[in-house]
């Protein structure tokens, strides 16, 4: 759970993209609904963007220093723990990025 407090240290922005109504985005919608408050409580000034678009595949994007961005598709994930692991991997990847 400590990685959640490091969002603002490791990233410049975290962005969730998903469809408002599709069943394949349901798990991502639920993850955002359950975790957004904790993310913002631990990182009050950190931008966490929610982008809903009809027909969009669920994804999470991370923006790092120098405008570098990486993303993970979330449509094949089976549960909330897998989405948590994907977001955590993006946070930890900040140390691997060479500018």
PDB file of N, CA and C in Angstrom:
ATOM      1  N   UNK A   1       0.793  -1.195   0.000  1.00  0.00           N
ATOM      2  CA  UNK A   1       0.000   0.000   0.000  1.00  0.00           C
ATOM      3  C   UNK A   1       0.840   1.267   0.000  1.00  0.00           C
ATOM      4  N   UNK A   2       2.084   1.169   0.397  1.00  0.00           N
ATOM      5  CA  UNK A   2       2.941   2.357   0.440  1.00  0.00           C
ATOM      6  C   UNK A   2       3.158   2.945  -0.943  1.00  0.00           C
ATOM      7  N   UNK A   3       3.063   2.136  -1.970  1.00  0.00           N
ATOM      8  CA  UNK A   3       3.267   2.646  -3.325  1.00  0.00           C
ATOM      9  C   UNK A   3       2.210   3.683  -3.689  1.00  0.00           C
ATOM     10  N   UNK A   4       1.026   3.602  -3.091  1.00  0.00           N
ATOM     11  CA  UNK A   4      -0.037   4.563  -3.387  1.00  0.00           C
ATOM     12  C   UNK A   4       0.358   5.984  -2.974  1.00  0.00           C
ATOM     13  N   UNK A   5       1.105   6.093  -1.889  1.00  0.00           N
ATOM     14  CA  UNK A   5       1.552   7.409  -1.425  1.00  0.00           C
ATOM     15  C   UNK A   5       2.668   7.965  -2.300  1.00  0.00           C
ATOM     16  N   UNK A   6       3.287   7.122  -3.115  1.00  0.00           N
ATOM     17  CA  UNK A   6       4.396   7.545  -3.971  1.00  0.00           C
ATOM     18  C   UNK A   6       3.955   7.971  -5.372  1.00  0.00           C
ATOM     19  N   UNK A   7       2.672   8.022  -5.619  1.00  0.00           N
ATOM     20  CA  UNK A   7       2.207   8.430  -6.951  1.00  0.00           C
ATOM     21  C   UNK A   7       2.796   9.777  -7.341  1.00  0.00           C
ATOM     22  N   UNK A   8       2.684  10.746  -6.463  1.00  0.00           N
ATOM     23  CA  UNK A   8       3.141  12.104  -6.796  1.00  0.00           C
ATOM     24  C   UNK A   8       4.656  12.212  -6.867  1.00  0.00           C
ATOM     25  N   UNK A   9       5.370  11.309  -6.255  1.00  0.00           N
ATOM     26  CA  UNK A   9       6.840  11.327  -6.337  1.00  0.00           C
ATOM     27  C   UNK A   9       7.343  10.710  -7.633  1.00  0.00           C
ATOM     28  N   UNK A  10       6.649   9.674  -8.100  1.00  0.00           N
ATOM     29  CA  UNK A  10       7.132   8.906  -9.243  1.00  0.00           C
ATOM     30  C   UNK A  10       6.507   9.305 -10.575  1.00  0.00           C
ATOM     31  N   UNK A  11       5.308   9.857 -10.545  1.00  0.00           N
ATOM     32  CA  UNK A  11       4.584  10.170 -11.770  1.00  0.00           C
ATOM     33  C   UNK A  11       4.230  11.644 -11.837  1.00  0.00           C
ATOM     34  N   UNK A  12       3.883  12.083 -13.018  1.00  0.00           N
ATOM     35  CA  UNK A  12       3.357  13.436 -13.222  1.00  0.00           C
ATOM     36  C   UNK A  12       1.844  13.416 -13.353  1.00  0.00           C
ATOM     37  N   UNK A  13       1.298  12.260 -13.803  1.00  0.00           N
ATOM     38  CA  UNK A  13      -0.139  12.153 -14.012  1.00  0.00           C
ATOM     39  C   UNK A  13      -0.515  10.688 -14.146  1.00  0.00           C
ATOM     40  N   UNK A  14      -1.698  10.343 -13.674  1.00  0.00           N
ATOM     41  CA  UNK A  14      -2.264   9.011 -13.849  1.00  0.00           C
ATOM     42  C   UNK A  14      -3.633   9.190 -14.495  1.00  0.00           C
ATOM     43  N   UNK A  15      -3.888   8.436 -15.572  1.00  0.00           N
ATOM     44  CA  UNK A  15      -5.103   8.629 -16.349  1.00  0.00           C
ATOM     45  C   UNK A  15      -5.789   7.284 -16.608  1.00  0.00           C
ATOM     46  N   UNK A  16      -7.058   7.185 -16.254  1.00  0.00           N
ATOM     47  CA  UNK A  16      -7.857   5.997 -16.528  1.00  0.00           C
ATOM     48  C   UNK A  16      -8.776   6.300 -17.696  1.00  0.00           C
ATOM     49  N   UNK A  17      -8.838   5.392 -18.646  1.00  0.00           N
ATOM     50  CA  UNK A  17      -9.691   5.527 -19.822  1.00  0.00           C
ATOM     51  C   UNK A  17     -10.579   4.292 -19.902  1.00  0.00           C
ATOM     52  N   UNK A  18     -11.888   4.508 -20.021  1.00  0.00           N
ATOM     53  CA  UNK A  18     -12.808   3.381 -20.133  1.00  0.00           C
ATOM     54  C   UNK A  18     -14.158   3.844 -20.665  1.00  0.00           C
ATOM     55  N   UNK A  19     -14.983   2.861 -21.037  1.00  0.00           N
ATOM     56  CA  UNK A  19     -16.341   3.126 -21.523  1.00  0.00           C
ATOM     57  C   UNK A  19     -17.287   3.215 -20.324  1.00  0.00           C
ATOM     58  N   UNK A  20     -18.276   4.102 -20.416  1.00  0.00           N
ATOM     59  CA  UNK A  20     -19.225   4.287 -19.318  1.00  0.00           C
ATOM     60  C   UNK A  20     -20.184   3.109 -19.162  1.00  0.00           C
ATOM     61  N   UNK A  21     -20.424   2.365 -20.235  1.00  0.00           N
ATOM     62  CA  UNK A  21     -21.488   1.364 -20.201  1.00  0.00           C
ATOM     63  C   UNK A  21     -21.063  -0.059 -20.538  1.00  0.00           C
ATOM     64  N   UNK A  22     -19.937  -0.274 -21.172  1.00  0.00           N
ATOM     65  CA  UNK A  22     -19.591  -1.623 -21.635  1.00  0.00           C
ATOM     66  C   UNK A  22     -19.244  -2.553 -20.475  1.00  0.00           C
ATOM     67  N   UNK A  23     -19.520  -3.823 -20.684  1.00  0.00           N
ATOM     68  CA  UNK A  23     -19.235  -4.816 -19.642  1.00  0.00           C
ATOM     69  C   UNK A  23     -17.733  -5.050 -19.484  1.00  0.00           C
ATOM     70  N   UNK A  24     -16.959  -4.873 -20.563  1.00  0.00           N
ATOM     71  CA  UNK A  24     -15.516  -5.089 -20.442  1.00  0.00           C
ATOM     72  C   UNK A  24     -14.827  -3.969 -19.650  1.00  0.00           C
ATOM     73  N   UNK A  25     -15.484  -2.833 -19.488  1.00  0.00           N
ATOM     74  CA  UNK A  25     -14.947  -1.737 -18.671  1.00  0.00           C
ATOM     75  C   UNK A  25     -15.484  -1.744 -17.239  1.00  0.00           C
ATOM     76  N   UNK A  26     -16.391  -2.654 -16.939  1.00  0.00           N
ATOM     77  CA  UNK A  26     -17.036  -2.670 -15.622  1.00  0.00           C
ATOM     78  C   UNK A  26     -16.029  -2.803 -14.482  1.00  0.00           C
ATOM     79  N   UNK A  27     -15.064  -3.677 -14.636  1.00  0.00           N
ATOM     80  CA  UNK A  27     -14.076  -3.887 -13.573  1.00  0.00           C
ATOM     81  C   UNK A  27     -13.225  -2.635 -13.353  1.00  0.00           C
ATOM     82  N   UNK A  28     -12.856  -1.965 -14.421  1.00  0.00           N
ATOM     83  CA  UNK A  28     -12.073  -0.731 -14.309  1.00  0.00           C
ATOM     84  C   UNK A  28     -12.899   0.368 -13.661  1.00  0.00           C
ATOM     85  N   UNK A  29     -14.158   0.492 -14.051  1.00  0.00           N
ATOM     86  CA  UNK A  29     -15.040   1.482 -13.415  1.00  0.00           C
ATOM     87  C   UNK A  29     -15.143   1.228 -11.918  1.00  0.00           C
ATOM     88  N   UNK A  30     -15.304  -0.019 -11.540  1.00  0.00           N
ATOM     89  CA  UNK A  30     -15.413  -0.374 -10.122  1.00  0.00           C
ATOM     90  C   UNK A  30     -14.100  -0.091  -9.381  1.00  0.00           C
ATOM     91  N   UNK A  31     -12.972  -0.388 -10.017  1.00  0.00           N
ATOM     92  CA  UNK A  31     -11.672  -0.109  -9.400  1.00  0.00           C
ATOM     93  C   UNK A  31     -11.518   1.386  -9.122  1.00  0.00           C
ATOM     94  N   UNK A  32     -11.842   2.211 -10.097  1.00  0.00           N
ATOM     95  CA  UNK A  32     -11.732   3.658  -9.926  1.00  0.00           C
ATOM     96  C   UNK A  32     -12.686   4.127  -8.825  1.00  0.00           C
ATOM     97  N   UNK A  33     -13.887   3.625  -8.838  1.00  0.00           N
ATOM     98  CA  UNK A  33     -14.880   4.006  -7.829  1.00  0.00           C
ATOM     99  C   UNK A  33     -14.389   3.662  -6.409  1.00  0.00           C
ATOM    100  N   UNK A  34     -13.779   2.500  -6.247  1.00  0.00           N
ATOM    101  CA  UNK A  34     -13.318   2.058  -4.925  1.00  0.00           C
ATOM    102  C   UNK A  34     -12.019   2.715  -4.471  1.00  0.00           C
ATOM    103  N   UNK A  35     -11.140   3.076  -5.390  1.00  0.00           N
ATOM    104  CA  UNK A  35      -9.795   3.506  -5.017  1.00  0.00           C
ATOM    105  C   UNK A  35      -9.495   4.987  -5.192  1.00  0.00           C
ATOM    106  N   UNK A  36     -10.331   5.709  -5.915  1.00  0.00           N
ATOM    107  CA  UNK A  36     -10.048   7.114  -6.194  1.00  0.00           C
ATOM    108  C   UNK A  36      -9.864   7.925  -4.912  1.00  0.00           C
ATOM    109  N   UNK A  37     -10.732   7.735  -3.948  1.00  0.00           N
ATOM    110  CA  UNK A  37     -10.659   8.501  -2.702  1.00  0.00           C
ATOM    111  C   UNK A  37      -9.333   8.253  -1.978  1.00  0.00           C
ATOM    112  N   UNK A  38      -8.884   7.002  -1.912  1.00  0.00           N
ATOM    113  CA  UNK A  38      -7.607   6.700  -1.260  1.00  0.00           C
ATOM    114  C   UNK A  38      -6.435   7.334  -2.000  1.00  0.00           C
ATOM    115  N   UNK A  39      -6.454   7.240  -3.334  1.00  0.00           N
ATOM    116  CA  UNK A  39      -5.388   7.857  -4.128  1.00  0.00           C
ATOM    117  C   UNK A  39      -5.316   9.360  -3.865  1.00  0.00           C
ATOM    118  N   UNK A  40      -6.472  10.031  -3.873  1.00  0.00           N
ATOM    119  CA  UNK A  40      -6.486  11.482  -3.683  1.00  0.00           C
ATOM    120  C   UNK A  40      -6.184  11.884  -2.236  1.00  0.00           C
ATOM    121  N   UNK A  41      -6.558  11.067  -1.280  1.00  0.00           N
ATOM    122  CA  UNK A  41      -6.239  11.364   0.121  1.00  0.00           C
ATOM    123  C   UNK A  41      -4.728  11.333   0.342  1.00  0.00           C
ATOM    124  N   UNK A  42      -4.063  10.359  -0.250  1.00  0.00           N
ATOM    125  CA  UNK A  42      -2.614  10.218  -0.095  1.00  0.00           C
ATOM    126  C   UNK A  42      -1.824  11.166  -0.995  1.00  0.00           C
ATOM    127  N   UNK A  43      -2.434  11.634  -2.071  1.00  0.00           N
ATOM    128  CA  UNK A  43      -1.776  12.507  -3.054  1.00  0.00           C
ATOM    129  C   UNK A  43      -2.737  13.622  -3.458  1.00  0.00           C
ATOM    130  N   UNK A  44      -3.018  14.555  -2.563  1.00  0.00           N
ATOM    131  CA  UNK A  44      -4.100  15.520  -2.804  1.00  0.00           C
ATOM    132  C   UNK A  44      -3.917  16.430  -4.015  1.00  0.00           C
ATOM    133  N   UNK A  45      -2.695  16.765  -4.386  1.00  0.00           N
ATOM    134  CA  UNK A  45      -2.475  17.674  -5.513  1.00  0.00           C
ATOM    135  C   UNK A  45      -2.093  16.946  -6.797  1.00  0.00           C
ATOM    136  N   UNK A  46      -2.035  15.639  -6.739  1.00  0.00           N
ATOM    137  CA  UNK A  46      -1.630  14.836  -7.890  1.00  0.00           C
ATOM    138  C   UNK A  46      -2.804  14.670  -8.859  1.00  0.00           C
ATOM    139  N   UNK A  47      -2.577  14.912 -10.168  1.00  0.00           N
ATOM    140  CA  UNK A  47      -3.671  14.773 -11.138  1.00  0.00           C
ATOM    141  C   UNK A  47      -3.974  13.311 -11.478  1.00  0.00           C
ATOM    142  N   UNK A  48      -5.167  12.889 -11.111  1.00  0.00           N
ATOM    143  CA  UNK A  48      -5.688  11.580 -11.497  1.00  0.00           C
ATOM    144  C   UNK A  48      -6.890  11.862 -12.385  1.00  0.00           C
ATOM    145  N   UNK A  49      -6.741  11.561 -13.653  1.00  0.00           N
ATOM    146  CA  UNK A  49      -7.761  11.894 -14.639  1.00  0.00           C
ATOM    147  C   UNK A  49      -8.605  10.673 -14.976  1.00  0.00           C
ATOM    148  N   UNK A  50      -9.896  10.887 -15.098  1.00  0.00           N
ATOM    149  CA  UNK A  50     -10.833   9.839 -15.479  1.00  0.00           C
ATOM    150  C   UNK A  50     -11.427  10.251 -16.819  1.00  0.00           C
ATOM    151  N   UNK A  51     -11.201   9.444 -17.839  1.00  0.00           N
ATOM    152  CA  UNK A  51     -11.699   9.737 -19.184  1.00  0.00           C
ATOM    153  C   UNK A  51     -12.666   8.642 -19.592  1.00  0.00           C
ATOM    154  N   UNK A  52     -13.923   9.009 -19.729  1.00  0.00           N
ATOM    155  CA  UNK A  52     -14.942   8.070 -20.172  1.00  0.00           C
ATOM    156  C   UNK A  52     -15.282   8.376 -21.624  1.00  0.00           C
ATOM    157  N   UNK A  53     -15.272   7.336 -22.444  1.00  0.00           N
ATOM    158  CA  UNK A  53     -15.555   7.509 -23.858  1.00  0.00           C
ATOM    159  C   UNK A  53     -16.300   6.278 -24.362  1.00  0.00           C
ATOM    160  N   UNK A  54     -17.372   6.495 -25.056  1.00  0.00           N
ATOM    161  CA  UNK A  54     -18.187   5.402 -25.543  1.00  0.00           C
ATOM    162  C   UNK A  54     -17.368   4.453 -26.421  1.00  0.00           C
ATOM    163  N   UNK A  55     -17.379   3.192 -26.067  1.00  0.00           N
ATOM    164  CA  UNK A  55     -16.671   2.180 -26.843  1.00  0.00           C
ATOM    165  C   UNK A  55     -15.181   2.065 -26.559  1.00  0.00           C
ATOM    166  N   UNK A  56     -14.668   2.849 -25.633  1.00  0.00           N
ATOM    167  CA  UNK A  56     -13.225   2.814 -25.336  1.00  0.00           C
ATOM    168  C   UNK A  56     -12.843   1.537 -24.598  1.00  0.00           C
ATOM    169  N   UNK A  57     -11.687   1.004 -24.926  1.00  0.00           N
ATOM    170  CA  UNK A  57     -11.130  -0.142 -24.206  1.00  0.00           C
ATOM    171  C   UNK A  57     -10.546   0.369 -22.888  1.00  0.00           C
ATOM    172  N   UNK A  58     -10.710  -0.366 -21.799  1.00  0.00           N
ATOM    173  CA  UNK A  58     -10.170   0.104 -20.517  1.00  0.00           C
ATOM    174  C   UNK A  58      -8.641   0.088 -20.506  1.00  0.00           C
ATOM    175  N   UNK A  59      -8.072   1.220 -20.111  1.00  0.00           N
ATOM    176  CA  UNK A  59      -6.614   1.387 -20.056  1.00  0.00           C
ATOM    177  C   UNK A  59      -6.262   2.289 -18.884  1.00  0.00           C
ATOM    178  N   UNK A  60      -5.024   2.176 -18.437  1.00  0.00           N
ATOM    179  CA  UNK A  60      -4.489   3.133 -17.479  1.00  0.00           C
ATOM    180  C   UNK A  60      -3.178   3.662 -18.075  1.00  0.00           C
ATOM    181  N   UNK A  61      -3.024   4.981 -18.047  1.00  0.00           N
ATOM    182  CA  UNK A  61      -1.856   5.668 -18.591  1.00  0.00           C
ATOM    183  C   UNK A  61      -1.099   6.345 -17.466  1.00  0.00           C
ATOM    184  N   UNK A  62       0.218   6.319 -17.551  1.00  0.00           N
ATOM    185  CA  UNK A  62       1.058   7.033 -16.599  1.00  0.00           C
ATOM    186  C   UNK A  62       1.953   7.982 -17.380  1.00  0.00           C
ATOM    187  N   UNK A  63       2.038   9.232 -16.928  1.00  0.00           N
ATOM    188  CA  UNK A  63       2.943  10.202 -17.540  1.00  0.00           C
ATOM    189  C   UNK A  63       4.069  10.467 -16.560  1.00  0.00           C
ATOM    190  N   UNK A  64       5.293  10.378 -17.085  1.00  0.00           N
ATOM    191  CA  UNK A  64       6.511  10.542 -16.294  1.00  0.00           C
ATOM    192  C   UNK A  64       7.189  11.864 -16.665  1.00  0.00           C
ATOM    193  N   UNK A  65       8.382  12.088 -16.140  1.00  0.00           N
ATOM    194  CA  UNK A  65       9.167  13.268 -16.487  1.00  0.00           C
ATOM    195  C   UNK A  65       9.412  13.321 -17.994  1.00  0.00           C
ATOM    196  N   UNK A  66       9.599  14.518 -18.486  1.00  0.00           N
ATOM    197  CA  UNK A  66       9.927  14.761 -19.885  1.00  0.00           C
ATOM    198  C   UNK A  66       8.829  14.297 -20.842  1.00  0.00           C
ATOM    199  N   UNK A  67       7.595  14.183 -20.362  1.00  0.00           N
ATOM    200  CA  UNK A  67       6.470  13.829 -21.215  1.00  0.00           C
ATOM    201  C   UNK A  67       6.386  12.379 -21.643  1.00  0.00           C
ATOM    202  N   UNK A  68       7.200  11.515 -21.065  1.00  0.00           N
ATOM    203  CA  UNK A  68       7.170  10.096 -21.408  1.00  0.00           C
ATOM    204  C   UNK A  68       5.902   9.477 -20.837  1.00  0.00           C
ATOM    205  N   UNK A  69       5.203   8.695 -21.658  1.00  0.00           N
ATOM    206  CA  UNK A  69       3.973   8.041 -21.221  1.00  0.00           C
ATOM    207  C   UNK A  69       4.044   6.550 -21.501  1.00  0.00           C
ATOM    208  N   UNK A  70       3.436   5.788 -20.597  1.00  0.00           N
ATOM    209  CA  UNK A  70       3.273   4.345 -20.774  1.00  0.00           C
ATOM    210  C   UNK A  70       1.845   3.991 -20.394  1.00  0.00           C
ATOM    211  N   UNK A  71       1.344   2.910 -20.978  1.00  0.00           N
ATOM    212  CA  UNK A  71      -0.010   2.497 -20.645  1.00  0.00           C
ATOM    213  C   UNK A  71      -0.108   0.981 -20.546  1.00  0.00           C
ATOM    214  N   UNK A  72      -1.178   0.537 -19.906  1.00  0.00           N
ATOM    215  CA  UNK A  72      -1.481  -0.885 -19.782  1.00  0.00           C
ATOM    216  C   UNK A  72      -2.954  -1.068 -20.165  1.00  0.00           C
ATOM    217  N   UNK A  73      -3.215  -2.023 -21.050  1.00  0.00           N
ATOM    218  CA  UNK A  73      -4.595  -2.385 -21.370  1.00  0.00           C
ATOM    219  C   UNK A  73      -5.156  -3.196 -20.209  1.00  0.00           C
ATOM    220  N   UNK A  74      -6.360  -2.872 -19.791  1.00  0.00           N
ATOM    221  CA  UNK A  74      -6.971  -3.532 -18.646  1.00  0.00           C
ATOM    222  C   UNK A  74      -8.115  -4.464 -19.034  1.00  0.00           C
ATOM    223  N   UNK A  75      -8.396  -4.606 -20.331  1.00  0.00           N
ATOM    224  CA  UNK A  75      -9.559  -5.386 -20.749  1.00  0.00           C
ATOM    225  C   UNK A  75      -9.417  -6.887 -20.529  1.00  0.00           C
ATOM    226  N   UNK A  76      -8.204  -7.405 -20.441  1.00  0.00           N
ATOM    227  CA  UNK A  76      -8.010  -8.842 -20.240  1.00  0.00           C
ATOM    228  C   UNK A  76      -7.854  -9.232 -18.777  1.00  0.00           C
ATOM    229  N   UNK A  77      -7.859  -8.263 -17.882  1.00  0.00           N
ATOM    230  CA  UNK A  77      -7.646  -8.558 -16.475  1.00  0.00           C
ATOM    231  C   UNK A  77      -8.928  -9.086 -15.846  1.00  0.00           C
ATOM    232  N   UNK A  78      -8.767  -9.989 -14.894  1.00  0.00           N
ATOM    233  CA  UNK A  78      -9.909 -10.731 -14.349  1.00  0.00           C
ATOM    234  C   UNK A  78     -10.446 -10.197 -13.026  1.00  0.00           C
ATOM    235  N   UNK A  79      -9.616  -9.469 -12.262  1.00  0.00           N
ATOM    236  CA  UNK A  79     -10.084  -9.004 -10.956  1.00  0.00           C
ATOM    237  C   UNK A  79      -9.376  -7.706 -10.565  1.00  0.00           C
ATOM    238  N   UNK A  80      -9.819  -7.148  -9.465  1.00  0.00           N
ATOM    239  CA  UNK A  80      -9.289  -5.865  -9.013  1.00  0.00           C
ATOM    240  C   UNK A  80      -7.815  -5.958  -8.607  1.00  0.00           C
ATOM    241  N   UNK A  81      -7.401  -7.105  -8.098  1.00  0.00           N
ATOM    242  CA  UNK A  81      -6.001  -7.286  -7.713  1.00  0.00           C
ATOM    243  C   UNK A  81      -5.071  -7.174  -8.920  1.00  0.00           C
ATOM    244  N   UNK A  82      -5.503  -7.651 -10.077  1.00  0.00           N
ATOM    245  CA  UNK A  82      -4.690  -7.551 -11.285  1.00  0.00           C
ATOM    246  C   UNK A  82      -4.592  -6.103 -11.761  1.00  0.00           C
ATOM    247  N   UNK A  83      -5.677  -5.336 -11.625  1.00  0.00           N
ATOM    248  CA  UNK A  83      -5.625  -3.918 -11.984  1.00  0.00           C
ATOM    249  C   UNK A  83      -4.693  -3.182 -11.026  1.00  0.00           C
ATOM    250  N   UNK A  84      -4.781  -3.500  -9.744  1.00  0.00           N
ATOM    251  CA  UNK A  84      -3.885  -2.898  -8.756  1.00  0.00           C
ATOM    252  C   UNK A  84      -2.435  -3.188  -9.107  1.00  0.00           C
ATOM    253  N   UNK A  85      -2.136  -4.419  -9.491  1.00  0.00           N
ATOM    254  CA  UNK A  85      -0.773  -4.793  -9.868  1.00  0.00           C
ATOM    255  C   UNK A  85      -0.308  -4.028 -11.108  1.00  0.00           C
ATOM    256  N   UNK A  86      -1.205  -3.806 -12.064  1.00  0.00           N
ATOM    257  CA  UNK A  86      -0.848  -3.063 -13.279  1.00  0.00           C
ATOM    258  C   UNK A  86      -0.526  -1.612 -12.953  1.00  0.00           C
ATOM    259  N   UNK A  87      -1.341  -0.980 -12.106  1.00  0.00           N
ATOM    260  CA  UNK A  87      -1.086   0.407 -11.709  1.00  0.00           C
ATOM    261  C   UNK A  87       0.211   0.496 -10.910  1.00  0.00           C
ATOM    262  N   UNK A  88       0.397  -0.448 -10.015  1.00  0.00           N
ATOM    263  CA  UNK A  88       1.622  -0.483  -9.206  1.00  0.00           C
ATOM    264  C   UNK A  88       2.855  -0.639 -10.097  1.00  0.00           C
ATOM    265  N   UNK A  89       2.777  -1.453 -11.125  1.00  0.00           N
ATOM    266  CA  UNK A  89       3.900  -1.631 -12.050  1.00  0.00           C
ATOM    267  C   UNK A  89       4.229  -0.328 -12.769  1.00  0.00           C
ATOM    268  N   UNK A  90       3.204   0.438 -13.143  1.00  0.00           N
ATOM    269  CA  UNK A  90       3.443   1.730 -13.792  1.00  0.00           C
ATOM    270  C   UNK A  90       4.119   2.708 -12.834  1.00  0.00           C
ATOM    271  N   UNK A  91       3.736   2.675 -11.574  1.00  0.00           N
ATOM    272  CA  UNK A  91       4.360   3.562 -10.581  1.00  0.00           C
ATOM    273  C   UNK A  91       5.825   3.184 -10.379  1.00  0.00           C
ATOM    274  N   UNK A  92       6.092   1.899 -10.272  1.00  0.00           N
ATOM    275  CA  UNK A  92       7.467   1.432 -10.069  1.00  0.00           C
ATOM    276  C   UNK A  92       8.342   1.609 -11.313  1.00  0.00           C
ATOM    277  N   UNK A  93       7.730   1.659 -12.494  1.00  0.00           N
ATOM    278  CA  UNK A  93       8.478   1.790 -13.740  1.00  0.00           C
ATOM    279  C   UNK A  93       9.179   3.141 -13.842  1.00  0.00           C
ATOM    280  N   UNK A  94       8.799   4.096 -13.019  1.00  0.00           N
ATOM    281  CA  UNK A  94       9.434   5.428 -13.069  1.00  0.00           C
ATOM    282  C   UNK A  94      10.938   5.311 -12.846  1.00  0.00           C
ATOM    283  N   UNK A  95      11.377   4.374 -12.031  1.00  0.00           N
ATOM    284  CA  UNK A  95      12.800   4.193 -11.775  1.00  0.00           C
ATOM    285  C   UNK A  95      13.549   3.589 -12.955  1.00  0.00           C
ATOM    286  N   UNK A  96      12.824   2.934 -13.861  1.00  0.00           N
ATOM    287  CA  UNK A  96      13.450   2.276 -15.008  1.00  0.00           C
ATOM    288  C   UNK A  96      13.574   3.175 -16.228  1.00  0.00           C
ATOM    289  N   UNK A  97      12.915   4.319 -16.211  1.00  0.00           N
ATOM    290  CA  UNK A  97      12.898   5.200 -17.382  1.00  0.00           C
ATOM    291  C   UNK A  97      14.169   6.007 -17.443  1.00  0.00           C
ATOM    292  N   UNK A  98      14.824   5.924 -18.565  1.00  0.00           N
ATOM    293  CA  UNK A  98      16.055   6.675 -18.817  1.00  0.00           C
ATOM    294  C   UNK A  98      15.738   7.802 -19.788  1.00  0.00           C
ATOM    295  N   UNK A  99      16.076   9.005 -19.409  1.00  0.00           N
ATOM    296  CA  UNK A  99      15.800  10.163 -20.260  1.00  0.00           C
ATOM    297  C   UNK A  99      17.047  10.514 -21.043  1.00  0.00           C
TER     298      UNK A  99
END
